[in-house]
Amino acid sequence: MHKYGDCSFCGGEVKEEKVELDYRYQGKLFIFQNVPSGVCQQCGEKYLPAKVAKEIEHRIQTKQKWDKTISVPVDVLPEEVAV
């Protein structure tokens, strides 16, 4: 188990939990499940240990066959909404 300090955003306590992580890399969205991560109990900010972050990047760069693939709806708001 990784030792986490207090949250750098709100100062809350950070505890290790298994989370689902959305990770964007080179314009693609990857979803990882069962990821050990520090989660702030106050604001929800997530912290990845370096070992976990390196493993995720390694899998994105080398994995040939993924466990699952899902379809994700995408919508683009018109310019007049963004103003």
N, C-alpha and C. Protein backbone atom coordinates (compact mmCIF):
# COMPACT_ATOMS: atom_id res chain seq x y z
N MET A 1 0.84 -1.18 0.00
CA MET A 1 0.00 0.00 0.00
C MET A 1 0.88 1.25 0.00
N HIS A 2 0.54 2.20 -0.85
CA HIS A 2 1.31 3.44 -0.98
C HIS A 2 0.92 4.41 0.13
N LYS A 3 1.87 5.18 0.61
CA LYS A 3 1.63 6.20 1.65
C LYS A 3 1.39 7.54 0.97
N TYR A 4 0.26 8.16 1.23
CA TYR A 4 -0.09 9.45 0.64
C TYR A 4 -0.06 10.53 1.71
N GLY A 5 0.30 11.73 1.32
CA GLY A 5 0.22 12.87 2.23
C GLY A 5 -1.19 13.46 2.15
N ASP A 6 -1.35 14.65 2.68
CA ASP A 6 -2.63 15.34 2.58
C ASP A 6 -2.83 15.87 1.16
N CYS A 7 -4.08 16.13 0.80
CA CYS A 7 -4.44 16.64 -0.52
C CYS A 7 -3.78 17.99 -0.77
N SER A 8 -3.14 18.15 -1.91
CA SER A 8 -2.47 19.41 -2.23
C SER A 8 -3.45 20.51 -2.64
N PHE A 9 -4.72 20.15 -2.87
CA PHE A 9 -5.73 21.14 -3.25
C PHE A 9 -6.50 21.68 -2.05
N CYS A 10 -6.95 20.75 -1.17
CA CYS A 10 -7.82 21.20 -0.08
C CYS A 10 -7.28 20.84 1.31
N GLY A 11 -6.21 20.06 1.36
CA GLY A 11 -5.64 19.66 2.65
C GLY A 11 -6.32 18.48 3.30
N GLY A 12 -7.30 17.88 2.62
CA GLY A 12 -8.03 16.73 3.17
C GLY A 12 -7.18 15.47 3.24
N GLU A 13 -7.69 14.48 3.95
CA GLU A 13 -7.01 13.20 4.10
C GLU A 13 -7.12 12.40 2.80
N VAL A 14 -6.02 11.80 2.37
CA VAL A 14 -5.98 10.99 1.15
C VAL A 14 -5.84 9.52 1.56
N LYS A 15 -6.78 8.70 1.10
CA LYS A 15 -6.76 7.26 1.39
C LYS A 15 -6.69 6.48 0.10
N GLU A 16 -6.07 5.29 0.15
CA GLU A 16 -5.98 4.46 -1.04
C GLU A 16 -7.30 3.76 -1.29
N GLU A 17 -7.74 3.80 -2.56
CA GLU A 17 -8.96 3.13 -3.00
C GLU A 17 -8.70 2.56 -4.39
N LYS A 18 -9.53 1.62 -4.81
CA LYS A 18 -9.51 1.12 -6.18
C LYS A 18 -10.54 1.93 -6.95
N VAL A 19 -10.12 2.57 -8.04
CA VAL A 19 -11.00 3.47 -8.79
C VAL A 19 -11.02 3.10 -10.27
N GLU A 20 -11.99 3.67 -10.98
CA GLU A 20 -12.01 3.62 -12.44
C GLU A 20 -11.37 4.91 -12.92
N LEU A 21 -10.44 4.81 -13.85
CA LEU A 21 -9.68 5.97 -14.30
C LEU A 21 -9.87 6.19 -15.79
N ASP A 22 -10.31 7.40 -16.17
CA ASP A 22 -10.38 7.81 -17.58
C ASP A 22 -9.05 8.47 -17.90
N TYR A 23 -8.38 8.01 -18.95
CA TYR A 23 -7.04 8.48 -19.28
C TYR A 23 -7.00 8.83 -20.76
N ARG A 24 -6.68 10.06 -21.07
CA ARG A 24 -6.58 10.48 -22.47
C ARG A 24 -5.11 10.49 -22.88
N TYR A 25 -4.86 9.88 -24.06
CA TYR A 25 -3.49 9.79 -24.55
C TYR A 25 -3.53 9.89 -26.06
N GLN A 26 -2.85 10.88 -26.61
CA GLN A 26 -2.76 11.11 -28.05
C GLN A 26 -4.14 11.10 -28.72
N GLY A 27 -5.08 11.83 -28.13
CA GLY A 27 -6.41 11.98 -28.72
C GLY A 27 -7.34 10.80 -28.52
N LYS A 28 -6.93 9.79 -27.77
CA LYS A 28 -7.77 8.63 -27.52
C LYS A 28 -8.11 8.55 -26.04
N LEU A 29 -9.28 7.99 -25.76
CA LEU A 29 -9.73 7.81 -24.38
C LEU A 29 -9.55 6.34 -23.99
N PHE A 30 -8.86 6.11 -22.88
CA PHE A 30 -8.68 4.77 -22.34
C PHE A 30 -9.31 4.74 -20.95
N ILE A 31 -9.96 3.65 -20.61
CA ILE A 31 -10.57 3.50 -19.29
C ILE A 31 -9.91 2.32 -18.61
N PHE A 32 -9.41 2.56 -17.40
CA PHE A 32 -8.78 1.51 -16.61
C PHE A 32 -9.62 1.28 -15.36
N GLN A 33 -9.87 0.03 -15.05
CA GLN A 33 -10.64 -0.32 -13.86
C GLN A 33 -9.73 -0.94 -12.81
N ASN A 34 -10.16 -0.85 -11.55
CA ASN A 34 -9.43 -1.47 -10.44
C ASN A 34 -8.05 -0.86 -10.25
N VAL A 35 -7.94 0.45 -10.40
CA VAL A 35 -6.67 1.17 -10.32
C VAL A 35 -6.41 1.62 -8.88
N PRO A 36 -5.30 1.20 -8.27
CA PRO A 36 -4.98 1.69 -6.93
C PRO A 36 -4.59 3.16 -7.02
N SER A 37 -5.30 3.99 -6.26
CA SER A 37 -5.14 5.43 -6.35
C SER A 37 -5.39 6.05 -4.99
N GLY A 38 -4.71 7.14 -4.70
CA GLY A 38 -5.04 7.91 -3.51
C GLY A 38 -6.21 8.81 -3.83
N VAL A 39 -7.22 8.83 -2.97
CA VAL A 39 -8.41 9.65 -3.21
C VAL A 39 -8.64 10.53 -1.99
N CYS A 40 -8.73 11.84 -2.23
CA CYS A 40 -9.00 12.77 -1.14
C CYS A 40 -10.42 12.54 -0.64
N GLN A 41 -10.55 12.35 0.65
CA GLN A 41 -11.84 12.09 1.26
C GLN A 41 -12.71 13.34 1.34
N GLN A 42 -12.11 14.50 1.10
CA GLN A 42 -12.84 15.76 1.18
C GLN A 42 -13.30 16.27 -0.18
N CYS A 43 -12.38 16.32 -1.16
CA CYS A 43 -12.73 16.90 -2.46
C CYS A 43 -12.75 15.89 -3.62
N GLY A 44 -12.23 14.67 -3.39
CA GLY A 44 -12.28 13.64 -4.43
C GLY A 44 -11.10 13.63 -5.39
N GLU A 45 -10.14 14.53 -5.22
CA GLU A 45 -8.96 14.56 -6.09
C GLU A 45 -8.25 13.20 -6.02
N LYS A 46 -7.76 12.73 -7.19
CA LYS A 46 -7.10 11.42 -7.26
C LYS A 46 -5.59 11.60 -7.47
N TYR A 47 -4.82 10.72 -6.84
CA TYR A 47 -3.36 10.72 -6.95
C TYR A 47 -2.90 9.32 -7.35
N LEU A 48 -2.11 9.24 -8.43
CA LEU A 48 -1.57 7.96 -8.86
C LEU A 48 -0.13 7.82 -8.38
N PRO A 49 0.20 6.69 -7.76
CA PRO A 49 1.62 6.44 -7.47
C PRO A 49 2.39 6.33 -8.79
N ALA A 50 3.65 6.71 -8.80
CA ALA A 50 4.47 6.70 -10.03
C ALA A 50 4.46 5.33 -10.69
N LYS A 51 4.54 4.27 -9.90
CA LYS A 51 4.57 2.90 -10.44
C LYS A 51 3.28 2.60 -11.22
N VAL A 52 2.15 3.03 -10.70
CA VAL A 52 0.87 2.81 -11.37
C VAL A 52 0.79 3.63 -12.65
N ALA A 53 1.19 4.90 -12.60
CA ALA A 53 1.16 5.77 -13.78
C ALA A 53 2.05 5.20 -14.90
N LYS A 54 3.23 4.70 -14.54
CA LYS A 54 4.13 4.11 -15.54
C LYS A 54 3.53 2.86 -16.15
N GLU A 55 2.85 2.05 -15.33
CA GLU A 55 2.22 0.82 -15.84
C GLU A 55 1.09 1.16 -16.81
N ILE A 56 0.31 2.18 -16.49
CA ILE A 56 -0.79 2.59 -17.38
C ILE A 56 -0.22 3.05 -18.72
N GLU A 57 0.80 3.90 -18.70
CA GLU A 57 1.41 4.36 -19.96
C GLU A 57 2.02 3.20 -20.74
N HIS A 58 2.65 2.27 -20.05
CA HIS A 58 3.24 1.11 -20.72
C HIS A 58 2.15 0.28 -21.41
N ARG A 59 1.03 0.07 -20.73
CA ARG A 59 -0.06 -0.71 -21.32
C ARG A 59 -0.65 -0.01 -22.54
N ILE A 60 -0.80 1.31 -22.47
CA ILE A 60 -1.34 2.05 -23.61
C ILE A 60 -0.42 1.91 -24.82
N GLN A 61 0.87 1.97 -24.59
CA GLN A 61 1.83 1.94 -25.69
C GLN A 61 2.08 0.54 -26.24
N THR A 62 1.83 -0.51 -25.47
CA THR A 62 2.22 -1.85 -25.91
C THR A 62 1.09 -2.87 -26.03
N LYS A 63 -0.04 -2.64 -25.39
CA LYS A 63 -1.10 -3.65 -25.37
C LYS A 63 -1.74 -3.77 -26.75
N GLN A 64 -1.82 -4.99 -27.24
CA GLN A 64 -2.39 -5.24 -28.56
C GLN A 64 -3.89 -5.49 -28.50
N LYS A 65 -4.34 -6.25 -27.50
CA LYS A 65 -5.75 -6.60 -27.38
C LYS A 65 -6.26 -6.16 -26.02
N TRP A 66 -7.31 -5.36 -26.04
CA TRP A 66 -7.88 -4.83 -24.80
C TRP A 66 -8.99 -5.74 -24.31
N ASP A 67 -9.24 -5.74 -23.01
CA ASP A 67 -10.26 -6.60 -22.41
C ASP A 67 -11.66 -6.27 -22.90
N LYS A 68 -11.96 -4.99 -23.05
CA LYS A 68 -13.27 -4.53 -23.51
C LYS A 68 -13.10 -3.29 -24.37
N THR A 69 -14.09 -3.05 -25.23
CA THR A 69 -14.18 -1.80 -25.98
C THR A 69 -15.62 -1.33 -25.87
N ILE A 70 -15.80 -0.02 -25.61
CA ILE A 70 -17.15 0.52 -25.50
C ILE A 70 -17.31 1.68 -26.47
N SER A 71 -18.55 1.99 -26.79
CA SER A 71 -18.88 3.14 -27.63
C SER A 71 -19.20 4.32 -26.72
N VAL A 72 -18.64 5.49 -27.04
CA VAL A 72 -18.84 6.68 -26.21
C VAL A 72 -19.50 7.76 -27.05
N PRO A 73 -20.69 8.25 -26.64
CA PRO A 73 -21.32 9.33 -27.39
C PRO A 73 -20.52 10.63 -27.25
N VAL A 74 -20.45 11.40 -28.32
CA VAL A 74 -19.74 12.68 -28.32
C VAL A 74 -20.66 13.73 -28.93
N ASP A 75 -20.72 14.90 -28.31
CA ASP A 75 -21.53 16.00 -28.83
C ASP A 75 -20.68 17.26 -28.79
N VAL A 76 -20.80 18.11 -29.79
CA VAL A 76 -20.07 19.38 -29.84
C VAL A 76 -21.09 20.50 -29.70
N LEU A 77 -20.89 21.37 -28.69
CA LEU A 77 -21.81 22.49 -28.50
C LEU A 77 -21.55 23.56 -29.55
N PRO A 78 -22.62 24.22 -30.04
CA PRO A 78 -22.43 25.30 -31.01
C PRO A 78 -21.74 26.50 -30.38
N GLU A 79 -21.07 27.29 -31.20
CA GLU A 79 -20.31 28.45 -30.75
C GLU A 79 -21.14 29.41 -29.88
N GLU A 80 -22.38 29.64 -30.26
CA GLU A 80 -23.20 30.61 -29.52
C GLU A 80 -23.46 30.18 -28.08
N VAL A 81 -23.36 28.92 -27.77
CA VAL A 81 -23.52 28.45 -26.40
C VAL A 81 -22.25 28.73 -25.58
N ALA A 82 -21.11 28.65 -26.23
CA ALA A 82 -19.83 28.82 -25.54
C ALA A 82 -19.51 30.28 -25.22
N VAL A 83 -20.21 31.23 -25.81
CA VAL A 83 -19.92 32.65 -25.59
C VAL A 83 -20.52 33.14 -24.32
